[in-house]
Protein backbone atom coordinates (compact mmCIF):
# COMPACT_ATOMS: atom_id res chain seq x y z
CA UNK A 1 35.28 40.17 4.85
CA UNK A 2 32.76 41.22 7.49
CA UNK A 3 34.23 43.67 9.92
CA UNK A 4 33.93 42.68 13.59
CA UNK A 5 34.27 44.56 16.83
CA UNK A 6 36.14 43.06 19.78
CA UNK A 7 34.62 43.59 23.21
CA UNK A 8 34.41 41.89 26.59
CA UNK A 9 30.92 41.16 27.92
CA UNK A 10 30.06 40.37 31.55
CA UNK A 11 28.10 37.12 31.77
CA UNK A 12 26.33 38.31 34.91
CA UNK A 13 25.07 41.82 34.13
CA UNK A 14 25.64 42.06 30.36
CA UNK A 15 27.82 45.19 30.37
CA UNK A 16 30.27 45.49 27.45
CA UNK A 17 33.76 46.99 27.94
CA UNK A 18 36.67 47.41 25.47
CA UNK A 19 39.33 45.88 27.74
CA UNK A 20 39.46 42.77 29.88
CA UNK A 21 39.54 43.05 33.68
CA UNK A 22 39.45 40.53 36.48
CA UNK A 23 36.40 42.12 38.08
CA UNK A 24 33.36 43.64 36.42
CA UNK A 25 33.19 47.35 37.21
CA UNK A 26 29.38 47.35 37.07
CA UNK A 27 28.21 44.35 39.12
CA UNK A 28 31.47 43.38 40.88
CA UNK A 29 31.53 39.77 39.63
CA UNK A 30 34.97 38.16 39.29
CA UNK A 31 36.21 36.47 36.11
CA UNK A 32 32.90 37.10 34.34
CA UNK A 33 34.20 39.08 31.32
CA UNK A 34 34.29 36.95 28.16
CA UNK A 35 35.74 37.99 24.82
CA UNK A 36 33.15 38.34 22.08
CA UNK A 37 33.33 39.54 18.50
CA UNK A 38 30.25 41.21 17.05
CA UNK A 39 29.83 42.18 13.39
CA UNK A 40 29.72 45.87 12.53
CA UNK A 41 26.68 46.79 10.45
CA UNK A 42 27.61 48.27 7.09
CA UNK A 43 26.46 51.73 6.16
CA UNK A 44 23.11 51.84 4.41
CA UNK A 45 21.98 48.50 5.83
CA UNK A 46 18.52 48.83 7.35
CA UNK A 47 17.55 46.58 10.22
CA UNK A 48 14.18 44.90 10.18
CA UNK A 49 11.52 46.69 12.19
CA UNK A 50 10.39 45.13 15.44
CA UNK A 51 6.72 44.92 14.40
CA UNK A 52 7.41 44.33 10.71
CA UNK A 53 6.03 47.68 9.55
CA UNK A 54 7.20 51.25 9.14
CA UNK A 55 6.58 53.23 12.35
CA UNK A 56 4.27 56.25 12.23
CA UNK A 57 3.22 58.81 14.82
CA UNK A 58 -0.47 58.52 15.70
CA UNK A 59 -2.86 60.08 18.19
CA UNK A 60 -3.53 57.89 21.21
CA UNK A 61 -7.36 58.18 20.97
CA UNK A 62 -7.14 56.97 17.35
CA UNK A 63 -5.55 53.67 18.33
CA UNK A 64 -8.09 50.87 18.03
CA UNK A 65 -8.08 48.43 20.91
CA UNK A 66 -9.98 45.19 21.04
CA UNK A 67 -10.24 42.22 23.33
CA UNK A 68 -7.08 40.21 23.79
CA UNK A 69 -7.27 36.93 21.89
CA UNK A 70 -6.47 34.11 24.31
CA UNK A 71 -6.07 30.38 23.84
CA UNK A 72 -6.63 27.90 26.65
CA UNK A 73 -3.70 25.60 27.45
CA UNK A 74 -5.99 22.94 28.87
CA UNK A 75 -4.43 23.43 32.33
CA UNK A 76 -6.53 25.68 34.53
CA UNK A 77 -3.77 26.70 36.91
CA UNK A 78 -1.46 27.65 34.03
CA UNK A 79 -4.24 29.68 32.42
CA UNK A 80 -4.74 31.48 35.74
CA UNK A 81 -1.08 32.44 35.97
CA UNK A 82 -1.07 33.62 32.34
CA UNK A 83 -4.04 35.87 33.07
CA UNK A 84 -6.79 33.75 31.52
CA UNK A 85 -4.97 31.88 28.77
CA UNK A 86 -2.16 32.16 26.24
CA UNK A 87 -2.25 35.50 24.39
CA UNK A 88 -1.73 35.39 20.63
CA UNK A 89 1.69 36.75 19.68
CA UNK A 90 3.00 36.76 23.25
CA UNK A 91 6.39 35.51 24.43
CA UNK A 92 6.42 33.63 27.75
CA UNK A 93 9.65 32.88 29.61
CA UNK A 94 9.45 30.09 32.19
CA UNK A 95 12.35 29.28 34.51
CA UNK A 96 13.00 26.80 37.28
CA UNK A 97 15.44 24.31 38.76
CA UNK A 98 16.50 21.29 36.68
CA UNK A 99 13.99 18.47 36.86
CA UNK A 100 11.22 20.52 38.43
CA UNK A 101 8.81 19.93 35.54
CA UNK A 102 9.17 22.75 32.99
CA UNK A 103 9.36 20.50 29.93
CA UNK A 104 6.65 18.24 31.30
CA UNK A 105 4.21 21.11 31.81
CA UNK A 106 4.84 22.63 28.38
CA UNK A 107 4.52 19.28 26.64
CA UNK A 108 1.15 18.75 28.32
CA UNK A 109 -0.01 22.26 27.38
CA UNK A 110 1.21 22.00 23.79
CA UNK A 111 -0.48 18.64 23.27
CA UNK A 112 -3.82 20.21 24.26
CA UNK A 113 -3.33 23.25 22.02
CA UNK A 114 -2.42 20.95 19.12
CA UNK A 115 -5.99 19.60 19.07
CA UNK A 116 -7.25 22.89 17.64
CA UNK A 117 -4.16 24.74 16.34
CA UNK A 118 -0.87 23.82 14.65
CA UNK A 119 2.03 23.74 17.13
CA UNK A 120 5.78 23.08 17.07
CA UNK A 121 7.96 21.76 19.91
CA UNK A 122 11.63 22.62 19.42
CA UNK A 123 14.11 20.81 21.63
CA UNK A 124 17.72 21.84 21.95
CA UNK A 125 18.70 19.73 24.95
CA UNK A 126 17.01 16.38 24.29
CA UNK A 127 16.69 14.09 21.31
CA UNK A 128 13.42 13.45 19.54
CA UNK A 129 13.35 9.95 21.07
CA UNK A 130 13.55 11.38 24.59
CA UNK A 131 10.67 13.77 23.97
CA UNK A 132 8.61 10.96 22.43
CA UNK A 133 9.31 8.70 25.43
CA UNK A 134 8.16 11.44 27.82
CA UNK A 135 4.98 11.98 25.82
CA UNK A 136 4.17 8.27 26.01
CA UNK A 137 4.81 8.22 29.75
CA UNK A 138 2.52 11.22 30.25
CA UNK A 139 -0.11 9.62 27.97
CA UNK A 140 -0.77 12.88 26.14
CA UNK A 141 -2.30 13.09 22.67
CA UNK A 142 0.51 13.40 20.13
CA UNK A 143 -1.32 12.94 16.80
CA UNK A 144 -1.03 16.64 15.90
CA UNK A 145 2.19 17.41 17.80
CA UNK A 146 5.22 18.22 15.62
CA UNK A 147 8.81 18.12 16.88
CA UNK A 148 12.08 19.68 15.77
CA UNK A 149 15.55 19.10 17.23
CA UNK A 150 17.65 22.16 16.35
CA UNK A 151 19.60 24.94 18.03
CA UNK A 152 20.29 27.19 15.03
CA UNK A 153 17.92 30.16 15.32
CA UNK A 154 17.95 31.01 11.62
CA UNK A 155 16.99 27.44 10.68
CA UNK A 156 14.34 27.39 13.42
CA UNK A 157 12.74 30.53 11.98
CA UNK A 158 12.78 29.04 8.49
CA UNK A 159 11.05 25.86 9.71
CA UNK A 160 8.51 27.96 11.63
CA UNK A 161 7.71 30.02 8.52
CA UNK A 162 7.06 26.80 6.59
CA UNK A 163 5.00 25.06 9.27
CA UNK A 164 3.16 28.25 10.37
CA UNK A 165 2.41 27.10 13.95
CA UNK A 166 0.27 29.13 16.33
CA UNK A 167 2.33 28.09 19.37
CA UNK A 168 6.04 27.24 19.69
CA UNK A 169 8.07 25.88 22.59
CA UNK A 170 11.84 26.55 22.69
CA UNK A 171 13.53 24.18 25.15
CA UNK A 172 15.76 25.87 26.08
CA UNK A 173 16.76 29.39 25.09
CA UNK A 174 20.30 28.90 26.48
CA UNK A 175 21.02 26.33 23.76
CA UNK A 176 19.97 28.55 20.84
CA UNK A 177 22.63 30.40 18.84
CA UNK A 178 22.84 32.66 15.80
CA UNK A 179 25.47 32.73 13.04
CA UNK A 180 25.82 36.49 13.30
CA UNK A 181 27.79 36.08 16.55
CA UNK A 182 30.91 34.03 17.19
CA UNK A 183 30.33 33.54 20.92
CA UNK A 184 29.20 30.23 22.41
CA UNK A 185 25.50 29.39 23.00
CA UNK A 186 24.30 30.61 26.37
CA UNK A 187 26.50 33.71 26.41
CA UNK A 188 24.98 37.12 27.00
CA UNK A 189 25.23 38.22 23.38
CA UNK A 190 23.75 34.99 22.05
CA UNK A 191 20.88 35.13 24.53
CA UNK A 192 20.11 38.74 23.69
CA UNK A 193 20.27 38.34 19.92
CA UNK A 194 18.47 34.97 19.75
CA UNK A 195 15.69 36.16 22.04
CA UNK A 196 15.32 39.37 19.99
CA UNK A 197 14.88 37.32 16.80
CA UNK A 198 12.25 35.11 18.45
CA UNK A 199 10.36 38.07 19.92
CA UNK A 200 10.39 39.85 16.57
CA UNK A 201 9.11 36.70 14.82
CA UNK A 202 6.33 36.28 17.42
CA UNK A 203 5.11 39.87 16.97
CA UNK A 204 5.26 39.82 13.18
CA UNK A 205 3.49 36.47 12.72
CA UNK A 206 1.23 36.56 15.83
CA UNK A 207 2.75 33.30 17.04
CA UNK A 208 2.76 32.46 20.74
CA UNK A 209 6.22 31.43 21.96
CA UNK A 210 7.23 29.62 25.15
CA UNK A 211 10.89 29.98 26.16
CA UNK A 212 12.40 27.63 28.76
CA UNK A 213 15.19 29.32 30.71
CA UNK A 214 17.88 27.95 33.00
CA UNK A 215 18.28 29.33 36.51
CA UNK A 216 21.34 30.06 38.60
CA UNK A 217 22.10 28.58 42.02
CA UNK A 218 20.40 31.63 43.57
CA UNK A 219 17.17 30.66 41.79
CA UNK A 220 17.10 33.54 39.29
CA UNK A 221 17.04 33.19 35.52
CA UNK A 222 20.52 32.76 34.08
CA UNK A 223 21.88 35.64 32.03
CA UNK A 224 21.27 39.37 32.31
CA UNK A 225 17.87 40.84 33.17
CA UNK A 226 17.56 42.08 29.59
CA UNK A 227 16.07 38.69 28.71
CA UNK A 228 13.22 39.26 31.17
CA UNK A 229 12.64 42.78 29.87
CA UNK A 230 12.23 41.58 26.27
CA UNK A 231 9.49 39.00 26.88
CA UNK A 232 5.84 39.62 27.78
CA UNK A 233 5.48 37.19 30.68
CA UNK A 234 7.98 35.72 33.14
CA UNK A 235 7.00 32.63 35.14
CA UNK A 236 9.03 30.99 37.91
CA UNK A 237 8.70 27.34 38.89
CA UNK A 238 9.10 27.01 42.67
CA UNK A 239 9.26 24.01 44.95
CA UNK A 240 11.65 21.26 45.95
CA UNK A 241 12.21 18.26 43.71
CA UNK A 242 11.63 15.89 46.64
CA UNK A 243 8.24 17.55 47.27
CA UNK A 244 5.37 16.48 45.04
CA UNK A 245 3.83 19.95 44.97
CA UNK A 246 4.98 22.59 42.50
CA UNK A 247 4.19 26.31 42.40
CA UNK A 248 4.28 28.60 39.37
CA UNK A 249 4.45 32.32 40.11
CA UNK A 250 4.09 35.13 37.58
CA UNK A 251 6.61 37.89 38.32
CA UNK A 252 5.89 39.81 35.11
CA UNK A 253 2.78 39.76 32.94
CA UNK A 254 1.81 42.38 30.40
CA UNK A 255 -1.58 40.73 29.92
CA UNK A 256 -2.57 39.87 33.49
CA UNK A 257 -1.88 40.22 37.19
CA UNK A 258 1.59 39.69 38.64
CA UNK A 259 2.29 37.45 41.64
CA UNK A 260 -0.48 35.14 40.46
CA UNK A 261 0.04 31.62 41.75
CA UNK A 262 -0.61 28.22 40.19
CA UNK A 263 -0.43 25.03 42.27
CA UNK A 264 0.43 21.65 40.77
CA UNK A 265 1.08 18.14 42.04
CA UNK A 266 3.73 15.99 40.33
CA UNK A 267 2.48 12.49 39.55
CA UNK A 268 3.59 9.60 37.35
CA UNK A 269 1.35 10.95 34.60
CA UNK A 270 2.77 14.48 34.78
CA UNK A 271 1.63 17.63 36.53
CA UNK A 272 -1.91 17.72 37.86
CA UNK A 273 -3.50 21.03 38.82
CA UNK A 274 -4.60 21.59 42.41
CA UNK A 275 -7.91 23.45 42.39
CA UNK A 276 -8.15 23.78 46.19
CA UNK A 277 -4.64 24.76 47.35
CA UNK A 278 -5.72 25.70 50.88
CA UNK A 279 -6.52 22.08 51.67
CA UNK A 280 -3.02 20.78 50.85
CA UNK A 281 -1.17 23.41 52.88
CA UNK A 282 -3.14 22.83 56.07
CA UNK A 283 -2.12 20.14 58.56
CA UNK A 284 -5.32 19.68 60.53
CA UNK A 285 -4.07 18.08 63.72
CA UNK A 286 -6.39 16.10 65.96
CA UNK A 287 -5.11 18.27 68.83
CA UNK A 288 -3.77 21.81 68.85
CA UNK A 289 0.04 22.09 68.58
CA UNK A 290 2.16 24.84 70.11
CA UNK A 291 3.87 27.13 67.61
CA UNK A 292 1.42 26.54 64.78
CA UNK A 293 -1.14 29.01 63.42
CA UNK A 294 -3.09 29.23 60.18
CA UNK A 295 -2.75 32.40 58.14
CA UNK A 296 -4.96 33.71 55.33
CA UNK A 297 -2.69 35.06 52.60
CA UNK A 298 -3.57 36.62 49.26
CA UNK A 299 -1.87 35.33 46.12
CA UNK A 300 -2.65 37.12 42.87
CA UNK A 301 -6.44 37.09 42.62
CA UNK A 302 -7.41 34.53 45.25
CA UNK A 303 -7.06 33.88 48.98
CA UNK A 304 -5.13 30.90 50.29
CA UNK A 305 -4.77 29.38 53.74
CA UNK A 306 -1.30 28.30 54.80
CA UNK A 307 0.15 27.08 58.08
CA UNK A 308 2.94 29.03 59.75
CA UNK A 309 5.11 27.11 62.22
CA UNK A 310 7.53 28.61 64.71
CA UNK A 311 10.05 26.98 67.04
CA UNK A 312 11.62 29.04 69.82
CA UNK A 313 14.39 27.45 71.84
CA UNK A 314 17.06 28.63 74.27
CA UNK A 315 20.18 29.72 72.43
CA UNK A 316 23.71 28.80 73.51
CA UNK A 317 25.30 31.19 71.03
CA UNK A 318 26.33 34.79 71.53
CA UNK A 319 24.18 35.70 68.52
CA UNK A 320 20.89 33.76 68.55
CA UNK A 321 19.86 32.30 65.21
CA UNK A 322 17.02 33.72 63.12
CA UNK A 323 16.05 31.22 60.40
CA UNK A 324 13.09 31.61 58.04
CA UNK A 325 11.83 29.35 55.26
CA UNK A 326 9.19 30.94 53.04
CA UNK A 327 9.34 34.34 54.75
CA UNK A 328 11.73 37.28 54.73
CA UNK A 329 14.45 36.96 57.35
CA UNK A 330 15.01 40.69 57.83
CA UNK A 331 11.34 41.22 58.54
CA UNK A 332 11.47 38.51 61.24
CA UNK A 333 14.22 40.43 63.05
CA UNK A 334 12.16 43.61 62.87
CA UNK A 335 9.00 41.89 64.17
CA UNK A 336 10.90 40.40 67.11
CA UNK A 337 11.98 43.91 68.06
CA UNK A 338 8.36 45.11 67.86
CA UNK A 339 7.29 42.13 69.99
CA UNK A 340 9.81 43.12 72.65
CA UNK A 341 9.05 46.83 72.60
CA UNK A 342 5.25 46.78 72.37
CA UNK A 343 4.42 43.28 73.62
CA UNK A 344 6.90 42.95 76.46
CA UNK A 345 8.18 39.59 75.18
CA UNK A 346 11.97 39.27 74.86
CA UNK A 347 13.64 36.76 72.54
CA UNK A 348 17.22 38.07 72.60
CA UNK A 349 18.42 34.81 74.19
CA UNK A 350 16.29 32.49 72.05
CA UNK A 351 16.82 30.83 68.67
CA UNK A 352 13.80 31.46 66.43
CA UNK A 353 12.99 29.15 63.50
CA UNK A 354 10.02 29.90 61.23
CA UNK A 355 8.63 27.77 58.41
CA UNK A 356 5.71 28.04 55.98
CA UNK A 357 4.32 24.55 55.43
CA UNK A 358 4.29 23.20 51.89
CA UNK A 359 7.17 25.20 50.47
CA UNK A 360 5.05 28.29 49.77
CA UNK A 361 6.84 31.64 49.77
CA UNK A 362 4.83 34.44 51.37
CA UNK A 363 5.88 37.94 50.37
CA UNK A 364 3.04 40.09 51.72
CA UNK A 365 3.08 41.81 55.12
CA UNK A 366 -0.28 40.31 56.14
CA UNK A 367 1.67 37.44 57.67
CA UNK A 368 3.12 39.63 60.47
CA UNK A 369 0.46 39.02 63.10
CA UNK A 370 0.25 35.27 62.46
CA UNK A 371 4.04 35.02 62.68
CA UNK A 372 4.20 36.77 66.06
CA UNK A 373 1.37 34.67 67.52
CA UNK A 374 3.10 31.48 66.38
CA UNK A 375 6.36 32.62 68.00
CA UNK A 376 4.59 33.49 71.24
CA UNK A 377 2.78 30.14 71.23
CA UNK A 378 6.04 28.24 70.87
CA UNK A 379 7.84 30.37 73.46
CA UNK A 380 5.16 29.80 76.11
CA UNK A 381 4.33 26.27 74.91
CA UNK A 382 0.65 27.17 74.76
CA UNK A 383 -1.14 25.88 71.66
CA UNK A 384 -3.52 28.15 69.81
CA UNK A 385 -6.94 26.91 68.82
CA UNK A 386 -6.88 24.81 65.66
CA UNK A 387 -10.06 26.65 64.62
CA UNK A 388 -8.25 30.02 64.61
CA UNK A 389 -7.14 31.95 61.52
CA UNK A 390 -5.00 35.11 61.70
CA UNK A 391 -3.83 37.85 59.36
CA UNK A 392 -2.73 41.47 59.70
CA UNK A 393 0.24 43.78 59.18
CA UNK A 394 2.20 44.92 62.25
CA UNK A 395 3.74 48.41 62.21
CA UNK A 396 6.81 49.62 64.07
CA UNK A 397 4.59 51.49 66.52
CA UNK A 398 2.81 48.26 67.44
CA UNK A 399 -0.33 49.07 65.47
CA UNK A 400 -2.21 46.43 63.47
CA UNK A 401 -2.79 47.71 59.94
CA UNK A 402 -5.58 46.45 57.67
CA UNK A 403 -4.74 44.46 54.53
CA UNK A 404 -6.43 44.07 51.17
CA UNK A 405 -9.36 41.72 50.54
CA UNK A 406 -9.98 40.98 54.19
CA UNK A 407 -13.55 39.79 53.63
CA UNK A 408 -12.51 37.30 50.94
CA UNK A 409 -9.85 35.89 53.27
CA UNK A 410 -12.41 35.33 56.01
CA UNK A 411 -14.82 33.68 53.59
CA UNK A 412 -12.08 31.27 52.51
CA UNK A 413 -11.39 30.45 56.18
CA UNK A 414 -15.08 29.91 56.92
CA UNK A 415 -15.35 27.57 53.92
CA UNK A 416 -12.68 25.34 55.51
CA UNK A 417 -14.40 25.23 58.90
CA UNK A 418 -12.54 27.88 60.91
CA UNK A 419 -14.63 29.36 63.72
CA UNK A 420 -12.42 32.16 65.10
CA UNK A 421 -10.33 34.91 63.56
CA UNK A 422 -8.00 37.65 64.74
CA UNK A 423 -7.89 40.38 62.12
CA UNK A 424 -7.15 44.13 61.93
CA UNK A 425 -10.07 46.23 63.08
CA UNK A 426 -10.07 47.99 59.73
CA UNK A 427 -10.92 44.70 58.02
CA UNK A 428 -14.03 44.07 60.12
CA UNK A 429 -17.08 44.86 57.97
CA UNK A 430 -20.81 44.61 58.51
CA UNK A 431 -21.25 41.54 56.35
CA UNK A 432 -19.03 38.88 57.85
CA UNK A 433 -19.27 35.07 57.49
CA UNK A 434 -21.97 33.64 59.72
CA UNK A 435 -20.99 31.36 62.56
CA UNK A 436 -17.50 32.86 62.81
CA UNK A 437 -16.23 34.73 65.90
CA UNK A 438 -14.15 37.65 64.63
CA UNK A 439 -11.90 39.77 66.85
CA UNK A 440 -10.82 43.10 65.39
CA UNK A 441 -7.66 44.43 67.02
CA UNK A 442 -5.87 47.77 66.69
CA UNK A 443 -2.63 47.14 68.58
CA UNK A 444 -0.27 44.25 69.14
CA UNK A 445 -0.84 44.24 72.89
CA UNK A 446 -4.58 43.90 72.28
CA UNK A 447 -3.97 40.88 70.02
CA UNK A 448 -1.65 39.24 72.56
CA UNK A 449 -4.22 39.67 75.32
CA UNK A 450 -6.77 37.62 73.41
CA UNK A 451 -4.61 34.49 73.26
CA UNK A 452 -1.69 34.87 75.69
């Protein structure tokens, strides 16, 4: 009989302990320890190498490096997020809320790749009839698309060795299990071991693998972070299901830039790429509206114009509310303190609500100045010019710090017809877009004096 080892594994952080406890000692989660039995490797048994070859010590200058072999997915925005296309032998993990379009996007991409390379779509959650019905609804080419409904990882690998595909989709990784473990599919041990087998297969055979991952209610990928560490690229699907626009963000990419953004629109025929995202996130009013300002943000390798809206109203609570959608809430509290200290504008008795139009999440600090001007516009009920674009980081001393790629941001604004700009003085260069009035500011008080 195969000897097994009894342990209790936390389903949140993945830590393994010999005894059960009500609370995990590592992450503090309650009732997350699950009993699992793992086989003990016999003496003399050699595990298969990760890259399929015996490791040797070499000199770094002797390592031959060539250009990364990439394959287009037929979807420009997805290729952008991947860093220029799908890398041969890479493992891509894509996560998102249920029904947001993960399977739809991958089915569209795989159908395009199948025109030139053999592919295999493995479904563990749906039947073959359901996948076929979706393909007909999307009107994708399915002549060279092969399907497999299975959740047994060893059988999946055997089928893949026979078919020899260049690209594989696993939908989803939480349904895959291995016979070497007795735990249920989706547990920490099953996720770790199944993903390790798939990654090892991808590296040995130079097969590109897409893994679909479930997410928790907090929006993060289910399971421990070890799953994200094992793969080459991690993509997150963002956006609300009732909103037709979808956003894919790369949070990890060994072959390209992180925080790259891809914009899609959900239609009856599937996901359509949006080549000009600035146009969809701008609400060009016929008249200027108080509390609204356009900001030039930088996502990955391109600029993007988004509208920031603020609503400031008298609070009847002892602690006024600070609500943000698409921005960091703690940074809003800090900027309100800077506005009071260095701008002379108090909001301690006001509720402040901030929203980024279109469901975009802005993580960079270049949104500080636009956020404060929108708040001031709503507080005083004085609309800013609808031809104005703003960006800049605000420091605790009230200084306006320059941000990266300022000239490219201004060129994107000029392309969409903006005539005025308030930017950090450090971002004002000699060659600026013609026909655009640019104000370079050094302090917050100087910026507020331009448009009180």
